[in-house]
Amino acid sequence: MCSHQPPCPTADSPQHRGAMIVSAHPEQGWSLLCNGTIVFDDTGELLPDGQVVSPYRNPAALVVAV
Protein backbone atom coordinates (compact mmCIF):
# COMPACT_ATOMS: atom_id res chain seq x y z
CA MET A 1 0.00 0.00 0.00
CA CYS A 2 2.78 2.44 0.88
CA SER A 3 4.45 4.35 -1.93
CA HIS A 4 6.69 6.44 0.36
CA GLN A 5 10.47 6.12 0.34
CA PRO A 6 11.61 4.60 2.59
CA PRO A 7 8.43 2.54 2.88
CA CYS A 8 6.34 2.81 6.02
CA PRO A 9 6.11 -0.14 8.43
CA THR A 10 3.56 -2.74 7.41
CA ALA A 11 0.40 -3.27 9.47
CA ASP A 12 1.83 -6.50 10.97
CA SER A 13 5.08 -4.81 12.04
CA PRO A 14 5.60 -3.91 15.73
CA GLN A 15 6.27 -0.33 14.55
CA HIS A 16 3.07 -0.13 12.45
CA ARG A 17 1.89 3.08 14.18
CA GLY A 18 4.89 4.85 12.65
CA ALA A 19 3.29 4.80 9.20
CA MET A 20 2.28 8.11 7.60
CA ILE A 21 -1.24 9.45 8.04
CA VAL A 22 -3.08 9.53 4.72
CA SER A 23 -6.44 10.71 6.05
CA ALA A 24 -6.96 12.47 9.38
CA HIS A 25 -10.34 13.00 11.00
CA PRO A 26 -9.61 14.63 14.38
CA GLU A 27 -13.22 15.79 14.69
CA GLN A 28 -14.21 12.11 14.69
CA GLY A 29 -11.21 10.88 16.67
CA TRP A 30 -9.46 8.66 14.10
CA SER A 31 -6.82 8.62 11.37
CA LEU A 32 -6.03 6.23 8.51
CA LEU A 33 -2.39 5.25 8.10
CA CYS A 34 -0.89 4.35 4.71
CA ASN A 35 -0.49 0.73 5.84
CA GLY A 36 -4.27 0.43 6.20
CA THR A 37 -4.39 0.71 9.99
CA ILE A 38 -7.01 2.97 11.55
CA VAL A 39 -5.81 4.54 14.78
CA PHE A 40 -8.16 6.13 17.29
CA ASP A 41 -7.49 9.01 19.67
CA ASP A 42 -8.04 6.68 22.65
CA THR A 43 -5.06 4.58 21.38
CA GLY A 44 -7.25 1.76 20.04
CA GLU A 45 -6.63 0.42 16.53
CA LEU A 46 -8.39 -1.40 13.74
CA LEU A 47 -5.98 -3.39 11.58
CA PRO A 48 -6.58 -4.01 7.85
CA ASP A 49 -7.43 -7.67 8.50
CA GLY A 50 -10.28 -6.62 10.83
CA GLN A 51 -8.40 -7.36 14.05
CA VAL A 52 -9.21 -4.93 16.88
CA VAL A 53 -6.43 -3.68 19.17
CA SER A 54 -7.85 -2.44 22.47
CA PRO A 55 -6.77 0.93 23.81
CA TYR A 56 -3.83 0.80 26.16
CA ARG A 57 -3.78 2.72 29.40
CA ASN A 58 -0.84 4.06 31.35
CA PRO A 59 -1.47 2.82 34.94
CA ALA A 60 0.21 5.91 36.37
CA ALA A 61 -2.25 8.12 34.47
CA LEU A 62 -5.19 6.36 36.11
CA VAL A 63 -4.19 7.30 39.65
CA VAL A 64 -6.63 9.85 40.99
CA ALA A 65 -5.47 12.27 43.67
CA VAL A 66 -7.88 12.56 46.59
PDB file of N, CA and C in Angstrom:
ATOM      1  N   MET A   1       0.802  -1.197   0.000  1.00  0.00           N
ATOM      2  CA  MET A   1       0.000   0.000   0.000  1.00  0.00           C
ATOM      3  C   MET A   1       0.849   1.267   0.000  1.00  0.00           C
ATOM      4  N   CYS A   2       1.975   1.242   0.683  1.00  0.00           N
ATOM      5  CA  CYS A   2       2.777   2.436   0.882  1.00  0.00           C
ATOM      6  C   CYS A   2       3.644   2.719  -0.332  1.00  0.00           C
ATOM      7  N   SER A   3       3.597   3.954  -0.804  1.00  0.00           N
ATOM      8  CA  SER A   3       4.449   4.350  -1.927  1.00  0.00           C
ATOM      9  C   SER A   3       5.541   5.318  -1.475  1.00  0.00           C
ATOM     10  N   HIS A   4       5.683   5.525  -0.170  1.00  0.00           N
ATOM     11  CA  HIS A   4       6.691   6.438   0.362  1.00  0.00           C
ATOM     12  C   HIS A   4       8.072   5.787   0.329  1.00  0.00           C
ATOM     13  N   GLN A   5       9.101   6.617   0.272  1.00  0.00           N
ATOM     14  CA  GLN A   5      10.471   6.120   0.336  1.00  0.00           C
ATOM     15  C   GLN A   5      11.177   6.769   1.515  1.00  0.00           C
ATOM     16  N   PRO A   6      11.706   6.056   2.453  1.00  0.00           N
ATOM     17  CA  PRO A   6      11.612   4.603   2.591  1.00  0.00           C
ATOM     18  C   PRO A   6      10.176   4.207   2.941  1.00  0.00           C
ATOM     19  N   PRO A   7       9.801   2.972   2.631  1.00  0.00           N
ATOM     20  CA  PRO A   7       8.427   2.541   2.881  1.00  0.00           C
ATOM     21  C   PRO A   7       8.090   2.548   4.365  1.00  0.00           C
ATOM     22  N   CYS A   8       6.835   2.828   4.640  1.00  0.00           N
ATOM     23  CA  CYS A   8       6.341   2.814   6.021  1.00  0.00           C
ATOM     24  C   CYS A   8       6.266   1.379   6.538  1.00  0.00           C
ATOM     25  N   PRO A   9       6.258   1.210   7.867  1.00  0.00           N
ATOM     26  CA  PRO A   9       6.114  -0.136   8.426  1.00  0.00           C
ATOM     27  C   PRO A   9       4.779  -0.760   8.007  1.00  0.00           C
ATOM     28  N   THR A  10       4.787  -2.040   7.773  1.00  0.00           N
ATOM     29  CA  THR A  10       3.555  -2.737   7.414  1.00  0.00           C
ATOM     30  C   THR A  10       2.644  -2.855   8.635  1.00  0.00           C
ATOM     31  N   ALA A  11       1.386  -3.182   8.394  1.00  0.00           N
ATOM     32  CA  ALA A  11       0.404  -3.273   9.472  1.00  0.00           C
ATOM     33  C   ALA A  11       0.734  -4.377  10.470  1.00  0.00           C
ATOM     34  N   ASP A  12       1.481  -5.410  10.052  1.00  0.00           N
ATOM     35  CA  ASP A  12       1.828  -6.495  10.973  1.00  0.00           C
ATOM     36  C   ASP A  12       3.184  -6.287  11.652  1.00  0.00           C
ATOM     37  N   SER A  13       3.800  -5.144  11.409  1.00  0.00           N
ATOM     38  CA  SER A  13       5.080  -4.814  12.039  1.00  0.00           C
ATOM     39  C   SER A  13       4.846  -4.244  13.443  1.00  0.00           C
ATOM     40  N   PRO A  14       5.746  -4.509  14.396  1.00  0.00           N
ATOM     41  CA  PRO A  14       5.604  -3.912  15.726  1.00  0.00           C
ATOM     42  C   PRO A  14       5.618  -2.380  15.692  1.00  0.00           C
ATOM     43  N   GLN A  15       6.195  -1.785  14.671  1.00  0.00           N
ATOM     44  CA  GLN A  15       6.266  -0.331  14.549  1.00  0.00           C
ATOM     45  C   GLN A  15       5.183   0.231  13.623  1.00  0.00           C
ATOM     46  N   HIS A  16       4.082  -0.508  13.436  1.00  0.00           N
ATOM     47  CA  HIS A  16       3.069  -0.128  12.451  1.00  0.00           C
ATOM     48  C   HIS A  16       2.453   1.260  12.685  1.00  0.00           C
ATOM     49  N   ARG A  17       2.448   1.749  13.916  1.00  0.00           N
ATOM     50  CA  ARG A  17       1.887   3.081  14.184  1.00  0.00           C
ATOM     51  C   ARG A  17       2.785   4.196  13.657  1.00  0.00           C
ATOM     52  N   GLY A  18       3.974   3.864  13.207  1.00  0.00           N
ATOM     53  CA  GLY A  18       4.886   4.848  12.650  1.00  0.00           C
ATOM     54  C   GLY A  18       4.621   5.170  11.184  1.00  0.00           C
ATOM     55  N   ALA A  19       3.623   4.533  10.591  1.00  0.00           N
ATOM     56  CA  ALA A  19       3.285   4.803   9.196  1.00  0.00           C
ATOM     57  C   ALA A  19       2.697   6.209   9.055  1.00  0.00           C
ATOM     58  N   MET A  20       2.786   6.759   7.862  1.00  0.00           N
ATOM     59  CA  MET A  20       2.283   8.107   7.600  1.00  0.00           C
ATOM     60  C   MET A  20       0.762   8.138   7.594  1.00  0.00           C
ATOM     61  N   ILE A  21       0.212   9.236   8.074  1.00  0.00           N
ATOM     62  CA  ILE A  21      -1.236   9.448   8.044  1.00  0.00           C
ATOM     63  C   ILE A  21      -1.619   9.866   6.626  1.00  0.00           C
ATOM     64  N   VAL A  22      -2.606   9.174   6.051  1.00  0.00           N
ATOM     65  CA  VAL A  22      -3.079   9.532   4.717  1.00  0.00           C
ATOM     66  C   VAL A  22      -4.438  10.223   4.772  1.00  0.00           C
ATOM     67  N   SER A  23      -5.150  10.053   5.880  1.00  0.00           N
ATOM     68  CA  SER A  23      -6.440  10.706   6.047  1.00  0.00           C
ATOM     69  C   SER A  23      -6.691  10.906   7.543  1.00  0.00           C
ATOM     70  N   ALA A  24      -6.754  12.162   7.961  1.00  0.00           N
ATOM     71  CA  ALA A  24      -6.957  12.474   9.376  1.00  0.00           C
ATOM     72  C   ALA A  24      -8.371  13.021   9.588  1.00  0.00           C
ATOM     73  N   HIS A  25      -8.999  12.545  10.639  1.00  0.00           N
ATOM     74  CA  HIS A  25     -10.344  13.000  10.997  1.00  0.00           C
ATOM     75  C   HIS A  25     -10.386  13.292  12.494  1.00  0.00           C
ATOM     76  N   PRO A  26      -9.678  14.340  12.937  1.00  0.00           N
ATOM     77  CA  PRO A  26      -9.610  14.629  14.377  1.00  0.00           C
ATOM     78  C   PRO A  26     -10.977  14.948  14.990  1.00  0.00           C
ATOM     79  N   GLU A  27     -11.876  15.490  14.186  1.00  0.00           N
ATOM     80  CA  GLU A  27     -13.220  15.787  14.692  1.00  0.00           C
ATOM     81  C   GLU A  27     -13.994  14.520  15.025  1.00  0.00           C
ATOM     82  N   GLN A  28     -13.584  13.398  14.422  1.00  0.00           N
ATOM     83  CA  GLN A  28     -14.213  12.108  14.692  1.00  0.00           C
ATOM     84  C   GLN A  28     -13.329  11.206  15.538  1.00  0.00           C
ATOM     85  N   GLY A  29     -12.093  11.622  15.777  1.00  0.00           N
ATOM     86  CA  GLY A  29     -11.211  10.881  16.667  1.00  0.00           C
ATOM     87  C   GLY A  29     -10.452   9.722  16.043  1.00  0.00           C
ATOM     88  N   TRP A  30     -10.207   9.758  14.717  1.00  0.00           N
ATOM     89  CA  TRP A  30      -9.458   8.663  14.104  1.00  0.00           C
ATOM     90  C   TRP A  30      -8.650   9.161  12.915  1.00  0.00           C
ATOM     91  N   SER A  31      -7.657   8.351  12.536  1.00  0.00           N
ATOM     92  CA  SER A  31      -6.824   8.618  11.365  1.00  0.00           C
ATOM     93  C   SER A  31      -6.529   7.305  10.654  1.00  0.00           C
ATOM     94  N   LEU A  32      -6.398   7.377   9.329  1.00  0.00           N
ATOM     95  CA  LEU A  32      -6.034   6.226   8.513  1.00  0.00           C
ATOM     96  C   LEU A  32      -4.563   6.342   8.163  1.00  0.00           C
ATOM     97  N   LEU A  33      -3.812   5.290   8.444  1.00  0.00           N
ATOM     98  CA  LEU A  33      -2.387   5.248   8.096  1.00  0.00           C
ATOM     99  C   LEU A  33      -2.217   4.602   6.726  1.00  0.00           C
ATOM    100  N   CYS A  34      -1.092   4.871   6.074  1.00  0.00           N
ATOM    101  CA  CYS A  34      -0.885   4.355   4.713  1.00  0.00           C
ATOM    102  C   CYS A  34      -0.754   2.829   4.675  1.00  0.00           C
ATOM    103  N   ASN A  35      -0.550   2.184   5.816  1.00  0.00           N
ATOM    104  CA  ASN A  35      -0.486   0.726   5.838  1.00  0.00           C
ATOM    105  C   ASN A  35      -1.863   0.099   6.064  1.00  0.00           C
ATOM    106  N   GLY A  36      -2.910   0.933   6.064  1.00  0.00           N
ATOM    107  CA  GLY A  36      -4.274   0.426   6.199  1.00  0.00           C
ATOM    108  C   GLY A  36      -4.789   0.371   7.621  1.00  0.00           C
ATOM    109  N   THR A  37      -3.983   0.718   8.597  1.00  0.00           N
ATOM    110  CA  THR A  37      -4.389   0.713   9.994  1.00  0.00           C
ATOM    111  C   THR A  37      -5.179   1.976  10.306  1.00  0.00           C
ATOM    112  N   ILE A  38      -6.270   1.829  11.038  1.00  0.00           N
ATOM    113  CA  ILE A  38      -7.015   2.969  11.552  1.00  0.00           C
ATOM    114  C   ILE A  38      -6.647   3.113  13.018  1.00  0.00           C
ATOM    115  N   VAL A  39      -6.169   4.281  13.393  1.00  0.00           N
ATOM    116  CA  VAL A  39      -5.806   4.541  14.784  1.00  0.00           C
ATOM    117  C   VAL A  39      -6.801   5.540  15.360  1.00  0.00           C
ATOM    118  N   PHE A  40      -7.184   5.296  16.605  1.00  0.00           N
ATOM    119  CA  PHE A  40      -8.157   6.130  17.288  1.00  0.00           C
ATOM    120  C   PHE A  40      -7.474   6.966  18.357  1.00  0.00           C
ATOM    121  N   ASP A  41      -8.066   8.109  18.679  1.00  0.00           N
ATOM    122  CA  ASP A  41      -7.493   9.010  19.672  1.00  0.00           C
ATOM    123  C   ASP A  41      -7.340   8.361  21.045  1.00  0.00           C
ATOM    124  N   ASP A  42      -8.142   7.356  21.343  1.00  0.00           N
ATOM    125  CA  ASP A  42      -8.041   6.682  22.645  1.00  0.00           C
ATOM    126  C   ASP A  42      -6.972   5.594  22.656  1.00  0.00           C
ATOM    127  N   THR A  43      -6.160   5.517  21.601  1.00  0.00           N
ATOM    128  CA  THR A  43      -5.056   4.579  21.379  1.00  0.00           C
ATOM    129  C   THR A  43      -5.506   3.209  20.886  1.00  0.00           C
ATOM    130  N   GLY A  44      -6.782   3.009  20.644  1.00  0.00           N
ATOM    131  CA  GLY A  44      -7.248   1.765  20.036  1.00  0.00           C
ATOM    132  C   GLY A  44      -6.901   1.749  18.551  1.00  0.00           C
ATOM    133  N   GLU A  45      -6.983   0.570  17.946  1.00  0.00           N
ATOM    134  CA  GLU A  45      -6.632   0.420  16.534  1.00  0.00           C
ATOM    135  C   GLU A  45      -7.544  -0.594  15.862  1.00  0.00           C
ATOM    136  N   LEU A  46      -7.724  -0.423  14.580  1.00  0.00           N
ATOM    137  CA  LEU A  46      -8.389  -1.403  13.735  1.00  0.00           C
ATOM    138  C   LEU A  46      -7.418  -1.721  12.608  1.00  0.00           C
ATOM    139  N   LEU A  47      -6.964  -2.970  12.574  1.00  0.00           N
ATOM    140  CA  LEU A  47      -5.982  -3.393  11.579  1.00  0.00           C
ATOM    141  C   LEU A  47      -6.681  -3.753  10.271  1.00  0.00           C
ATOM    142  N   PRO A  48      -5.970  -3.731   9.157  1.00  0.00           N
ATOM    143  CA  PRO A  48      -6.582  -4.010   7.853  1.00  0.00           C
ATOM    144  C   PRO A  48      -7.262  -5.373   7.758  1.00  0.00           C
ATOM    145  N   ASP A  49      -6.813  -6.344   8.546  1.00  0.00           N
ATOM    146  CA  ASP A  49      -7.426  -7.673   8.503  1.00  0.00           C
ATOM    147  C   ASP A  49      -8.677  -7.766   9.383  1.00  0.00           C
ATOM    148  N   GLY A  50      -9.086  -6.647   9.994  1.00  0.00           N
ATOM    149  CA  GLY A  50     -10.277  -6.616  10.835  1.00  0.00           C
ATOM    150  C   GLY A  50     -10.001  -6.830  12.307  1.00  0.00           C
ATOM    151  N   GLN A  51      -8.764  -7.134  12.650  1.00  0.00           N
ATOM    152  CA  GLN A  51      -8.402  -7.356  14.053  1.00  0.00           C
ATOM    153  C   GLN A  51      -8.495  -6.041  14.817  1.00  0.00           C
ATOM    154  N   VAL A  52      -9.063  -6.096  16.021  1.00  0.00           N
ATOM    155  CA  VAL A  52      -9.208  -4.929  16.881  1.00  0.00           C
ATOM    156  C   VAL A  52      -8.113  -4.956  17.942  1.00  0.00           C
ATOM    157  N   VAL A  53      -7.429  -3.828  18.121  1.00  0.00           N
ATOM    158  CA  VAL A  53      -6.430  -3.684  19.174  1.00  0.00           C
ATOM    159  C   VAL A  53      -7.032  -2.737  20.204  1.00  0.00           C
ATOM    160  N   SER A  54      -7.234  -3.242  21.410  1.00  0.00           N
ATOM    161  CA  SER A  54      -7.848  -2.438  22.467  1.00  0.00           C
ATOM    162  C   SER A  54      -6.958  -1.277  22.861  1.00  0.00           C
ATOM    163  N   PRO A  55      -7.569  -0.190  23.329  1.00  0.00           N
ATOM    164  CA  PRO A  55      -6.765   0.934  23.812  1.00  0.00           C
ATOM    165  C   PRO A  55      -5.868   0.505  24.957  1.00  0.00           C
ATOM    166  N   TYR A  56      -4.706   1.092  25.038  1.00  0.00           N
ATOM    167  CA  TYR A  56      -3.830   0.798  26.158  1.00  0.00           C
ATOM    168  C   TYR A  56      -3.875   1.980  27.110  1.00  0.00           C
ATOM    169  N   ARG A  57      -3.724   1.692  28.375  1.00  0.00           N
ATOM    170  CA  ARG A  57      -3.783   2.719  29.397  1.00  0.00           C
ATOM    171  C   ARG A  57      -2.488   2.725  30.176  1.00  0.00           C
ATOM    172  N   ASN A  58      -2.020   3.892  30.501  1.00  0.00           N
ATOM    173  CA  ASN A  58      -0.840   4.057  31.352  1.00  0.00           C
ATOM    174  C   ASN A  58      -1.336   3.991  32.802  1.00  0.00           C
ATOM    175  N   PRO A  59      -0.961   2.947  33.559  1.00  0.00           N
ATOM    176  CA  PRO A  59      -1.468   2.820  34.942  1.00  0.00           C
ATOM    177  C   PRO A  59      -1.203   4.056  35.786  1.00  0.00           C
ATOM    178  N   ALA A  60      -0.096   4.726  35.575  1.00  0.00           N
ATOM    179  CA  ALA A  60       0.209   5.915  36.366  1.00  0.00           C
ATOM    180  C   ALA A  60      -0.786   7.042  36.071  1.00  0.00           C
ATOM    181  N   ALA A  61      -1.304   7.075  34.850  1.00  0.00           N
ATOM    182  CA  ALA A  61      -2.254   8.116  34.472  1.00  0.00           C
ATOM    183  C   ALA A  61      -3.624   7.884  35.083  1.00  0.00           C
ATOM    184  N   LEU A  62      -3.875   6.669  35.546  1.00  0.00           N
ATOM    185  CA  LEU A  62      -5.187   6.356  36.111  1.00  0.00           C
ATOM    186  C   LEU A  62      -5.282   6.661  37.605  1.00  0.00           C
ATOM    187  N   VAL A  63      -4.185   7.001  38.233  1.00  0.00           N
ATOM    188  CA  VAL A  63      -4.187   7.303  39.653  1.00  0.00           C
ATOM    189  C   VAL A  63      -4.873   8.644  39.860  1.00  0.00           C
ATOM    190  N   VAL A  64      -5.876   8.642  40.724  1.00  0.00           N
ATOM    191  CA  VAL A  64      -6.634   9.848  40.987  1.00  0.00           C
ATOM    192  C   VAL A  64      -6.244  10.385  42.354  1.00  0.00           C
ATOM    193  N   ALA A  65      -5.837  11.641  42.393  1.00  0.00           N
ATOM    194  CA  ALA A  65      -5.472  12.270  43.672  1.00  0.00           C
ATOM    195  C   ALA A  65      -6.737  12.586  44.442  1.00  0.00           C
ATOM    196  N   VAL A  66      -6.713  12.289  45.741  1.00  0.00           N
ATOM    197  CA  VAL A  66      -7.883  12.557  46.589  1.00  0.00           C
ATOM    198  C   VAL A  66      -7.578  13.693  47.524  1.00  0.00           C
TER     199      VAL A  66
END
